Amino acid sequence: MGKKLRVGVIGANLQGSWGVWAHLPALAALEHVEAMAVATSHQETAEASARQFGVPHAFGDPVKL
């Protein structure tokens, strides 16, 4: 399998969401999956989560993800 599955996570706030404490670490452990974007209800918290997990894109609106 040459290409990775690229995914985005909605609900990735560092203040205790499932996206941060369960989904993003699990995705990071998978060889053929790459987290490409996170979304929260605020741009600032999305950017903080993206920095924390090395995710290249952050959105304050899940529809834009």
Protein backbone atom coordinates (compact mmCIF):
# COMPACT_ATOMS: atom_id res chain seq x y z
CA MET A 1 0.00 0.00 0.00
CA GLY A 2 1.81 3.13 -1.21
CA LYS A 3 -0.60 5.89 -0.25
CA LYS A 4 -1.68 6.81 3.24
CA LEU A 5 -5.29 7.41 4.18
CA ARG A 6 -5.49 11.09 5.09
CA VAL A 7 -8.08 12.00 7.73
CA GLY A 8 -9.45 14.97 9.62
CA VAL A 9 -10.74 14.93 13.19
CA ILE A 10 -13.69 17.07 14.27
CA GLY A 11 -13.80 17.73 18.00
CA ALA A 12 -10.08 17.96 18.72
CA ASN A 13 -10.01 20.47 21.57
CA LEU A 14 -7.07 19.99 23.96
CA GLN A 15 -9.43 20.54 26.90
CA GLY A 16 -10.56 16.94 27.12
CA SER A 17 -12.19 15.82 23.90
CA TRP A 18 -12.23 12.26 22.56
CA GLY A 19 -10.58 13.50 19.39
CA VAL A 20 -7.45 14.55 21.27
CA TRP A 21 -7.10 11.85 23.89
CA ALA A 22 -8.26 8.85 21.85
CA HIS A 23 -8.50 9.44 18.11
CA LEU A 24 -5.37 11.45 17.31
CA PRO A 25 -2.99 9.21 19.30
CA ALA A 26 -4.58 6.12 17.74
CA LEU A 27 -4.23 7.56 14.24
CA ALA A 28 -0.59 8.44 14.90
CA ALA A 29 0.08 4.80 15.75
CA LEU A 30 -1.25 3.56 12.42
CA GLU A 31 1.33 3.17 9.70
CA HIS A 32 -1.00 3.80 6.75
CA VAL A 33 -3.01 6.70 8.19
CA GLU A 34 -2.06 10.37 8.44
CA ALA A 35 -3.99 13.03 10.37
CA MET A 36 -4.12 16.04 8.03
CA ALA A 37 -6.59 18.35 9.78
CA VAL A 38 -8.35 19.05 13.04
CA ALA A 39 -11.46 21.12 13.74
CA THR A 40 -12.91 22.64 16.89
CA SER A 41 -15.50 25.35 17.40
CA HIS A 42 -12.76 28.02 17.66
CA GLN A 43 -9.80 28.63 15.35
CA GLU A 44 -7.42 29.22 18.28
CA THR A 45 -8.12 25.87 19.92
CA ALA A 46 -7.90 24.08 16.58
CA GLU A 47 -4.48 25.62 15.96
CA ALA A 48 -3.30 24.61 19.44
CA SER A 49 -4.37 21.01 18.84
CA ALA A 50 -2.75 20.96 15.42
CA ARG A 51 0.54 22.17 16.90
CA GLN A 52 0.38 19.63 19.73
CA PHE A 53 -0.02 16.70 17.33
CA GLY A 54 1.91 17.95 14.30
CA VAL A 55 -1.20 18.16 12.14
CA PRO A 56 -0.78 20.53 9.18
CA HIS A 57 -4.28 22.05 8.99
CA ALA A 58 -6.59 23.55 11.63
CA PHE A 59 -10.16 24.78 11.27
CA GLY A 60 -12.46 26.71 13.60
CA ASP A 61 -15.43 25.55 11.53
CA PRO A 62 -15.94 21.82 10.95
CA VAL A 63 -17.79 22.51 7.68
CA LYS A 64 -14.59 24.05 6.25
CA LEU A 65 -12.64 20.93 7.14
